[in-house]
Amino acid sequence: VQLQASGGGLVQAGGSLKLSCTVSGIIFTISTKGWYRQAPGEQRELVATITSGGRTNYVDFVKGRFTISRDNAKNTVYLQMNSLKPEDTGVYYCYTERSRIDTTKHWGQGTQVTVSS
């Protein structure tokens, strides 16, 4: 299983970025996917998830600002991030569970997001 994340960068507060994560090596459509982030000196924390049926879930600090989506035809999951804040800075990691039954997580390499004030 391989995940390739991209789309990170440097942006000013209030700006937007869209992260992408392309998945290979598994059947893309049958598993939950999501994004975590890790700020400097902090533990990795969940940001958003999307199920195989398209149901989404967000942590409170990104609700209304971030949108997770998936394109099954492209085997890609996205994270649209708007109204970015300096505290959103960190390395963002995408993951996929292996299947509906096997919730083992496979991780991408991470993409750096830096929001300047």
C-alpha atoms as a PDB file:
ATOM      1  CA  VAL A   1       0.000   0.000   0.000  1.00  0.00           C
ATOM      2  CA  GLN A   2       1.378   3.392  -0.976  1.00  0.00           C
ATOM      3  CA  LEU A   3       0.075   6.869  -0.268  1.00  0.00           C
ATOM      4  CA  GLN A   4       1.508   9.964  -1.893  1.00  0.00           C
ATOM      5  CA  ALA A   5       0.555  13.270  -0.302  1.00  0.00           C
ATOM      6  CA  SER A   6       1.059  16.661  -1.877  1.00  0.00           C
ATOM      7  CA  GLY A   7      -0.195  20.223  -1.798  1.00  0.00           C
ATOM      8  CA  GLY A   8       1.427  21.612   1.306  1.00  0.00           C
ATOM      9  CA  GLY A   9       3.240  24.917   1.386  1.00  0.00           C
ATOM     10  CA  LEU A  10       3.557  28.340   2.942  1.00  0.00           C
ATOM     11  CA  VAL A  11       0.480  30.530   3.113  1.00  0.00           C
ATOM     12  CA  GLN A  12      -0.572  33.643   4.967  1.00  0.00           C
ATOM     13  CA  ALA A  13      -3.232  33.537   7.643  1.00  0.00           C
ATOM     14  CA  GLY A  14      -6.657  33.580   6.049  1.00  0.00           C
ATOM     15  CA  GLY A  15      -5.423  31.812   2.949  1.00  0.00           C
ATOM     16  CA  SER A  16      -6.237  28.411   1.504  1.00  0.00           C
ATOM     17  CA  LEU A  17      -4.486  25.208   0.528  1.00  0.00           C
ATOM     18  CA  LYS A  18      -5.723  21.947  -0.932  1.00  0.00           C
ATOM     19  CA  LEU A  19      -3.953  18.749  -0.001  1.00  0.00           C
ATOM     20  CA  SER A  20      -4.139  15.629  -2.122  1.00  0.00           C
ATOM     21  CA  CYS A  21      -3.338  12.039  -1.303  1.00  0.00           C
ATOM     22  CA  THR A  22      -3.234   9.357  -3.968  1.00  0.00           C
ATOM     23  CA  VAL A  23      -3.569   5.780  -2.785  1.00  0.00           C
ATOM     24  CA  SER A  24      -2.417   2.614  -4.503  1.00  0.00           C
ATOM     25  CA  GLY A  25      -2.158  -1.027  -3.586  1.00  0.00           C
ATOM     26  CA  ILE A  26      -5.618  -1.477  -2.118  1.00  0.00           C
ATOM     27  CA  ILE A  27      -9.197  -1.285  -3.309  1.00  0.00           C
ATOM     28  CA  PHE A  28      -9.731   2.437  -2.846  1.00  0.00           C
ATOM     29  CA  THR A  29     -13.491   2.463  -2.545  1.00  0.00           C
ATOM     30  CA  ILE A  30     -13.993   0.171   0.433  1.00  0.00           C
ATOM     31  CA  SER A  31     -12.215   1.890   3.272  1.00  0.00           C
ATOM     32  CA  THR A  32     -12.206   4.967   5.453  1.00  0.00           C
ATOM     33  CA  LYS A  33      -9.588   7.575   4.794  1.00  0.00           C
ATOM     34  CA  GLY A  34      -8.514  10.672   6.609  1.00  0.00           C
ATOM     35  CA  TRP A  35      -5.997  13.261   7.567  1.00  0.00           C
ATOM     36  CA  TYR A  36      -3.995  13.797  10.735  1.00  0.00           C
ATOM     37  CA  ARG A  37      -1.620  16.592  11.509  1.00  0.00           C
ATOM     38  CA  GLN A  38       1.363  16.999  13.787  1.00  0.00           C
ATOM     39  CA  ALA A  39       2.463  20.380  15.031  1.00  0.00           C
ATOM     40  CA  PRO A  40       6.066  20.910  16.173  1.00  0.00           C
ATOM     41  CA  GLY A  41       6.572  19.277  19.552  1.00  0.00           C
ATOM     42  CA  GLU A  42       3.052  17.878  19.616  1.00  0.00           C
ATOM     43  CA  GLN A  43       1.456  14.506  19.080  1.00  0.00           C
ATOM     44  CA  ARG A  44      -0.241  13.608  15.852  1.00  0.00           C
ATOM     45  CA  GLU A  45      -3.936  14.521  15.982  1.00  0.00           C
ATOM     46  CA  LEU A  46      -6.928  13.658  13.884  1.00  0.00           C
ATOM     47  CA  VAL A  47      -8.268  16.339  11.547  1.00  0.00           C
ATOM     48  CA  ALA A  48     -10.938  14.732   9.371  1.00  0.00           C
ATOM     49  CA  THR A  49     -12.195  11.396   8.082  1.00  0.00           C
ATOM     50  CA  ILE A  50     -14.358  10.193   5.220  1.00  0.00           C
ATOM     51  CA  THR A  51     -15.945   6.754   5.027  1.00  0.00           C
ATOM     52  CA  SER A  52     -16.407   4.564   1.979  1.00  0.00           C
ATOM     53  CA  GLY A  53     -19.984   5.833   1.872  1.00  0.00           C
ATOM     54  CA  GLY A  54     -18.865   9.449   1.874  1.00  0.00           C
ATOM     55  CA  ARG A  55     -19.778  10.289   5.460  1.00  0.00           C
ATOM     56  CA  THR A  56     -17.418  12.904   6.837  1.00  0.00           C
ATOM     57  CA  ASN A  57     -16.286  13.797  10.317  1.00  0.00           C
ATOM     58  CA  TYR A  58     -14.226  16.747  11.534  1.00  0.00           C
ATOM     59  CA  VAL A  59     -12.608  17.763  14.743  1.00  0.00           C
ATOM     60  CA  ASP A  60     -14.017  20.922  16.244  1.00  0.00           C
ATOM     61  CA  PHE A  61     -11.073  23.176  15.481  1.00  0.00           C
ATOM     62  CA  VAL A  62     -11.456  22.731  11.708  1.00  0.00           C
ATOM     63  CA  LYS A  63     -15.228  22.556  11.352  1.00  0.00           C
ATOM     64  CA  GLY A  64     -16.494  25.109   8.885  1.00  0.00           C
ATOM     65  CA  ARG A  65     -13.000  25.708   7.499  1.00  0.00           C
ATOM     66  CA  PHE A  66     -11.782  22.352   6.171  1.00  0.00           C
ATOM     67  CA  THR A  67     -13.501  19.966   3.781  1.00  0.00           C
ATOM     68  CA  ILE A  68     -12.478  16.383   3.167  1.00  0.00           C
ATOM     69  CA  SER A  69     -13.527  14.670  -0.052  1.00  0.00           C
ATOM     70  CA  ARG A  70     -12.610  11.682  -2.170  1.00  0.00           C
ATOM     71  CA  ASP A  71     -12.506  10.924  -5.881  1.00  0.00           C
ATOM     72  CA  ASN A  72     -12.844   7.177  -6.302  1.00  0.00           C
ATOM     73  CA  ALA A  73     -12.035   7.371 -10.003  1.00  0.00           C
ATOM     74  CA  LYS A  74      -8.667   8.942  -9.190  1.00  0.00           C
ATOM     75  CA  ASN A  75      -7.977   6.966  -5.989  1.00  0.00           C
ATOM     76  CA  THR A  76      -7.426  10.291  -4.297  1.00  0.00           C
ATOM     77  CA  VAL A  77      -8.580  11.899  -1.076  1.00  0.00           C
ATOM     78  CA  TYR A  78      -8.444  15.659  -0.633  1.00  0.00           C
ATOM     79  CA  LEU A  79      -8.388  18.153   2.198  1.00  0.00           C
ATOM     80  CA  GLN A  80      -9.488  21.653   1.258  1.00  0.00           C
ATOM     81  CA  MET A  81      -8.314  24.062   3.934  1.00  0.00           C
ATOM     82  CA  ASN A  82      -9.730  27.570   4.060  1.00  0.00           C
ATOM     83  CA  SER A  83      -9.362  30.442   6.512  1.00  0.00           C
ATOM     84  CA  LEU A  84      -6.065  29.013   7.644  1.00  0.00           C
ATOM     85  CA  LYS A  85      -4.637  30.072  10.988  1.00  0.00           C
ATOM     86  CA  PRO A  86      -1.059  29.984  12.284  1.00  0.00           C
ATOM     87  CA  GLU A  87      -2.081  27.199  14.656  1.00  0.00           C
ATOM     88  CA  ASP A  88      -2.895  25.024  11.629  1.00  0.00           C
ATOM     89  CA  THR A  89       0.833  24.811  10.959  1.00  0.00           C
ATOM     90  CA  GLY A  90       2.208  21.296  10.970  1.00  0.00           C
ATOM     91  CA  VAL A  91       2.890  18.204   8.936  1.00  0.00           C
ATOM     92  CA  TYR A  92      -0.291  16.736   7.501  1.00  0.00           C
ATOM     93  CA  TYR A  93      -0.498  12.985   7.042  1.00  0.00           C
ATOM     94  CA  CYS A  94      -3.091  11.127   5.035  1.00  0.00           C
ATOM     95  CA  TYR A  95      -4.046   7.592   5.852  1.00  0.00           C
ATOM     96  CA  THR A  96      -6.247   4.819   4.591  1.00  0.00           C
ATOM     97  CA  GLU A  97      -7.694   1.884   6.420  1.00  0.00           C
ATOM     98  CA  ARG A  98      -7.181  -1.393   4.668  1.00  0.00           C
ATOM     99  CA  SER A  99     -10.853  -2.312   4.287  1.00  0.00           C
ATOM    100  CA  ARG A 100     -14.257  -2.042   6.001  1.00  0.00           C
ATOM    101  CA  ILE A 101     -13.263  -4.976   8.206  1.00  0.00           C
ATOM    102  CA  ASP A 102      -9.528  -4.427   8.588  1.00  0.00           C
ATOM    103  CA  THR A 103      -9.013  -0.985  10.122  1.00  0.00           C
ATOM    104  CA  THR A 104      -5.222  -1.177   9.992  1.00  0.00           C
ATOM    105  CA  LYS A 105      -3.963   2.256   8.962  1.00  0.00           C
ATOM    106  CA  HIS A 106      -1.491   2.855   6.193  1.00  0.00           C
ATOM    107  CA  TRP A 107       0.176   6.275   6.123  1.00  0.00           C
ATOM    108  CA  GLY A 108       1.510   8.716   3.601  1.00  0.00           C
ATOM    109  CA  GLN A 109       4.799  10.526   4.018  1.00  0.00           C
ATOM    110  CA  GLY A 110       3.361  13.820   5.228  1.00  0.00           C
ATOM    111  CA  THR A 111       3.238  17.243   3.668  1.00  0.00           C
ATOM    112  CA  GLN A 112       4.273  20.432   5.457  1.00  0.00           C
ATOM    113  CA  VAL A 113       1.764  23.235   5.912  1.00  0.00           C
ATOM    114  CA  THR A 114       3.045  26.528   7.289  1.00  0.00           C
ATOM    115  CA  VAL A 115       0.682  29.405   8.002  1.00  0.00           C
ATOM    116  CA  SER A 116       2.297  32.759   8.687  1.00  0.00           C
ATOM    117  CA  SER A 117       0.631  35.467  10.728  1.00  0.00           C
END
